[in-house]
Amino acid sequence: MKKLAALFLALVMLTACVSAMADSTYTHFFPAEEMAGNTDLNGFLSAQAMTELNTLELKDDGTYVYTKLIGTLDENYVPVNIEQDGQELRATTVTYIYNGTYTQDGDQVTLNIPDECVFSEDWGALYDMGFLQNSAGTASAGDRVVNYEGTDYDPWDNFDSQMYKFAGHDAPVSVTLNADGTFTYNAVANDDDD
């Protein structure tokens, strides 16, 4: 019976170890001060001190889930209503989720151009006040981001940029994984660099 219990315990521990090694999640947080002046819709994001939490899940099958969460986030990165001029304003929650494959060499990871992007822009109080429009959809279905009249963005194009910015999706994203569970972005040389 002791051998059976020991074998069972060994199997449980092995399963836990394999699970821990299989999928790994890392984060990168941008406080409001870093986002100011470095995003699209700068004025709106700065006015409500929005922040961004980027999460990278690396799966053991060589795929990734890369999520950008932008909004009025609390200390636990949960979207919360904010108070401004004595009035409670509805939280902003903007989410982009990219799926694709990655390569890894030690702590260096390259996220290949994504296969899919699912997005949802709920601008909270900015929508309620008529400043911005909400939109949601899937890039592969041809859905577009329209956050105010006269704009029409390809959701794929928020992939290349670190923060909320429609910069393109023609280049991979290169990151360094840190032992503390965070990741940092690497500079990626493009074809125009000498």
Foldseek 3Di string as FASTA:
>chain_A
DVVVVVVVVVVVVVVVVCVPVFKAKFKDKFWLVNCQPPAPVNVLCNVLRKIWMWMWIQGNVQKIKIKIWIKCADPVGDFDWDADPNDTWFIWTKMKIFMDGWDDDAQKIKGAQGPKIWIWTDGTRCVVVPNWDIDTDILVVVGWDGTDPPDTHRSSQCQADPHHYRHGRPGIWMWGADPVRHIDTDDDDDPPDD
